[in-house]
Each structure stands twice: as structure tokens, then as C-alpha cells.
Amino acid sequence: MDNTIPVWLLPLLSFIVGIAATLLVSRMMRSNSPAAQTENRLDTLQQQFDNYQDEVVAHFSTTAELVNKLTENYQNVQEHLLQSAERLALDDSTRQRLLNSLVDTKALEQPQEQESPVTSEAGATSSEASTAQKAETAEEAIPEPPRDYANKEEGEVGTLDESFGLKKDG
């Protein structure tokens, strides 16, 4: 046989080399284009954002665990104090005051008044005064409805009236 290259093989090889060269040149040009740079920058920013989100999730997970431990430690301290108050109190009134103070810190504000009510200048006992004071704070807690300060003629309804803006059939 002949060692000559077939006539059809040379154009085929040239075509394949041309396609490979075109792909290589287009890839090199595309990597230097502004769109490719923008895409690379976007990928970098997305990676940074993902890393930041992972850090935030880790931070809040750690914080939640620490708060749970803190709550558990607080409960353990509270339980220890209750047991110590039960064991170390000398008499029932002291024990009761200690237990009340551990359960409700407001119990120690007026320990003497609970045992013997003191009469105030107006002649009311301290328990009556505290009841009146609680009633005043309850009244302050209820919000007042809005008032209608719009100018209106005598007999007209205000803008906050239920019938304002409704036409009467007649």
C-alpha cells in the first residue's frame, strides 16, 4: 500500500483543527469580557453571602444554647435557694418570708405591714391604701377612646360618630 494520505483526510483534519482553534480563542475572549468579570464578581459575592448566612446561623444557634444553659443554671440556683430557705430558716414566719421573696421579690417590700396593718394619716389602713392605689393604676392602664375635636355646628355629628357620612333616606 501507499504511504500517502487520502485526499479527503487533509480537509477533515484542517476542519477539526479550525474548530478547536475557534473554541480556544472564543473561550479566551469570553473570560476577559465584562460579562464574565461581572459573573465572576457575582459568584464571589454569592459565596461571601452564603458564608455570612452560615455565620449568622451558627451565632444564633450558639446563643440559643447559651441562653438555655443560663435558664437551666438560674432554675438550679432558684431551687437551691428554696431548699436552703426550707432547711435553714429558724421559724415559720422567717421561712415563709424567705420562700415568698424567692418566688416573688415584691414580698419583701412591706414585710412589717403584712403582720400588723398601720393606720395612715387619713385613717385608712395600709391594705386599704394599697387597694386604692391598685385601682388607680388599673384605671390608668385602660386607654381612653379618641375624642372628636373637629369644628361642628350645634346638633351636627362629629367625624368619629357612627352615623357620620351616612345620608338619611327621607
Protein backbone atom coordinates (compact mmCIF):
# COMPACT_ATOMS: atom_id res chain seq x y z
CA MET A 1 0.00 0.00 0.00
CA ASP A 2 0.77 3.57 -0.44
CA ASN A 3 2.00 5.74 2.36
CA THR A 4 0.10 8.71 1.01
CA ILE A 5 -2.60 10.48 2.94
CA PRO A 6 -6.01 10.10 1.42
CA VAL A 7 -7.31 13.22 -0.25
CA TRP A 8 -10.36 13.56 1.98
CA LEU A 9 -8.38 13.24 5.26
CA LEU A 10 -6.46 16.52 4.88
CA PRO A 11 -9.56 18.79 4.66
CA LEU A 12 -11.15 16.89 7.53
CA LEU A 13 -8.11 17.41 9.79
CA SER A 14 -7.95 21.10 8.81
CA PHE A 15 -11.64 21.49 9.70
CA ILE A 16 -11.16 19.86 13.12
CA VAL A 17 -8.09 21.99 13.90
CA GLY A 18 -10.04 25.13 12.88
CA ILE A 19 -12.94 24.27 15.18
CA ALA A 20 -10.56 23.64 18.10
CA ALA A 21 -8.72 26.94 17.46
CA THR A 22 -12.04 28.83 17.27
CA LEU A 23 -13.26 27.35 20.55
CA LEU A 24 -9.97 28.18 22.26
CA VAL A 25 -9.94 31.79 21.03
CA SER A 26 -13.61 32.35 21.93
CA ARG A 27 -13.08 30.95 25.43
CA MET A 28 -10.10 33.24 25.99
CA MET A 29 -12.05 36.25 24.75
CA ARG A 30 -15.07 35.37 26.88
CA SER A 31 -13.03 35.15 30.09
CA ASN A 32 -11.77 38.72 29.57
CA SER A 33 -15.19 40.17 28.71
CA PRO A 34 -17.06 42.49 31.13
CA ALA A 35 -19.90 39.98 31.38
CA ALA A 36 -17.51 37.28 32.55
CA GLN A 37 -15.94 39.64 35.07
CA THR A 38 -19.40 40.56 36.36
CA GLU A 39 -20.33 36.90 36.60
CA ASN A 40 -17.13 36.12 38.50
CA ARG A 41 -17.79 39.03 40.86
CA LEU A 42 -21.38 37.86 41.36
CA ASP A 43 -20.17 34.35 42.17
CA THR A 44 -17.71 35.79 44.69
CA LEU A 45 -20.41 37.93 46.33
CA GLN A 46 -22.80 34.97 46.47
CA GLN A 47 -20.12 32.87 48.17
CA GLN A 48 -19.47 35.66 50.70
CA PHE A 49 -23.21 35.98 51.37
CA ASP A 50 -23.56 32.23 51.89
CA ASN A 51 -20.63 32.29 54.32
CA TYR A 52 -22.21 35.22 56.19
CA GLN A 53 -25.53 33.38 56.47
CA ASP A 54 -23.74 30.32 57.81
CA GLU A 55 -22.00 32.50 60.42
CA VAL A 56 -25.32 34.09 61.45
CA VAL A 57 -26.98 30.70 61.84
CA ALA A 58 -24.03 29.44 63.89
CA HIS A 59 -24.13 32.59 66.05
CA PHE A 60 -27.83 32.26 66.85
CA SER A 61 -27.53 28.53 67.47
CA THR A 62 -24.72 29.13 69.95
CA THR A 63 -26.66 31.99 71.55
CA ALA A 64 -29.75 29.80 71.95
CA GLU A 65 -27.69 27.04 73.56
CA LEU A 66 -26.08 29.52 75.97
CA VAL A 67 -29.45 31.04 76.90
CA ASN A 68 -30.82 27.56 77.55
CA LYS A 69 -27.85 26.80 79.80
CA LEU A 70 -28.32 30.14 81.55
CA THR A 71 -32.00 29.38 82.15
CA GLU A 72 -31.14 25.95 83.47
CA ASN A 73 -28.49 27.40 85.80
CA TYR A 74 -30.95 30.04 87.02
CA GLN A 75 -33.50 27.35 87.78
CA ASN A 76 -30.86 25.32 89.62
CA VAL A 77 -29.87 28.35 91.71
CA GLN A 78 -33.53 29.11 92.46
CA GLU A 79 -34.13 25.51 93.53
CA HIS A 80 -31.02 25.56 95.72
CA LEU A 81 -32.17 28.77 97.40
CA LEU A 82 -35.64 27.36 98.03
CA GLN A 83 -34.18 24.20 99.57
CA SER A 84 -31.76 26.25 101.68
CA ALA A 85 -34.56 28.53 102.88
CA GLU A 86 -36.58 25.48 103.91
CA ARG A 87 -33.64 23.92 105.71
CA LEU A 88 -32.01 26.98 107.31
CA ALA A 89 -34.96 29.16 108.36
CA LEU A 90 -35.33 29.38 112.13
CA ASP A 91 -39.09 29.74 112.42
CA ASP A 92 -42.17 29.51 110.22
CA SER A 93 -42.63 33.26 109.66
CA THR A 94 -38.99 33.67 108.57
CA ARG A 95 -39.24 30.61 106.35
CA GLN A 96 -42.43 31.92 104.76
CA ARG A 97 -40.90 35.36 104.14
CA LEU A 98 -37.82 33.76 102.56
CA LEU A 99 -39.91 31.49 100.37
CA ASN A 100 -42.12 34.40 99.31
CA SER A 101 -39.10 36.52 98.48
CA LEU A 102 -37.65 33.78 96.32
CA VAL A 103 -40.91 33.20 94.49
CA ASP A 104 -41.93 36.86 94.31
CA THR A 105 -39.36 39.59 95.02
CA LYS A 106 -42.13 42.06 95.83
CA ALA A 107 -42.99 40.13 99.01
CA LEU A 108 -40.16 41.74 100.99
CA GLU A 109 -41.17 45.32 100.15
CA GLN A 110 -43.60 45.58 103.10
CA PRO A 111 -42.99 42.62 105.46
CA GLN A 112 -43.95 44.51 108.63
CA GLU A 113 -47.22 45.82 107.19
CA GLN A 114 -48.41 42.31 106.42
CA GLU A 115 -48.19 41.29 110.07
CA SER A 116 -49.81 44.42 111.58
CA PRO A 117 -51.65 46.94 109.39
CA VAL A 118 -50.60 50.54 110.08
CA THR A 119 -53.12 53.35 110.01
CA SER A 120 -52.25 56.25 107.69
CA GLU A 121 -52.97 59.96 108.28
CA ALA A 122 -56.34 59.73 106.53
CA GLY A 123 -57.41 56.96 108.89
CA ALA A 124 -57.28 54.13 106.33
CA THR A 125 -55.20 51.03 106.87
CA SER A 126 -52.25 50.29 104.57
CA SER A 127 -54.15 47.43 102.91
CA GLU A 128 -56.99 49.84 102.03
CA ALA A 129 -54.44 52.35 100.70
CA SER A 130 -52.75 49.71 98.58
CA THR A 131 -56.16 48.62 97.20
CA ALA A 132 -56.97 52.23 96.27
CA GLN A 133 -53.55 52.59 94.67
CA LYS A 134 -54.09 49.39 92.63
CA ALA A 135 -57.47 50.72 91.47
CA GLU A 136 -55.84 54.00 90.33
CA THR A 137 -53.18 52.15 88.34
CA ALA A 138 -55.85 49.91 86.77
CA GLU A 139 -57.78 53.00 85.64
CA GLU A 140 -54.59 54.45 84.18
CA ALA A 141 -53.95 51.25 82.25
CA ILE A 142 -57.29 51.40 80.39
CA PRO A 143 -56.79 53.55 77.29
CA GLU A 144 -59.23 56.37 76.73
CA PRO A 145 -61.17 56.37 73.44
CA PRO A 146 -60.28 59.10 70.95
CA ARG A 147 -62.14 62.39 71.21
CA ASP A 148 -63.72 64.36 68.39
CA TYR A 149 -62.31 67.88 68.36
CA ALA A 150 -63.49 68.80 64.85
CA ASN A 151 -65.43 72.07 64.49
CA LYS A 152 -69.14 71.43 64.09
CA GLU A 153 -72.41 73.29 64.28
CA GLU A 154 -74.91 72.77 67.08
CA GLY A 155 -76.68 69.43 66.55
CA GLU A 156 -74.18 68.11 63.96
CA VAL A 157 -72.48 64.79 64.49
CA GLY A 158 -68.71 64.61 64.73
CA THR A 159 -66.40 62.69 62.41
CA LEU A 160 -65.97 59.96 64.99
CA ASP A 161 -69.71 59.37 65.30
CA GLU A 162 -71.02 56.09 63.92
CA SER A 163 -73.53 57.84 61.68
CA PHE A 164 -71.04 60.36 60.20
CA GLY A 165 -71.16 60.48 56.40
CA LEU A 166 -74.30 58.40 56.09
CA LYS A 167 -77.13 60.00 54.18
CA LYS A 168 -80.58 59.78 55.69
CA ASP A 169 -83.33 58.37 53.49
CA GLY A 170 -86.30 60.59 53.67
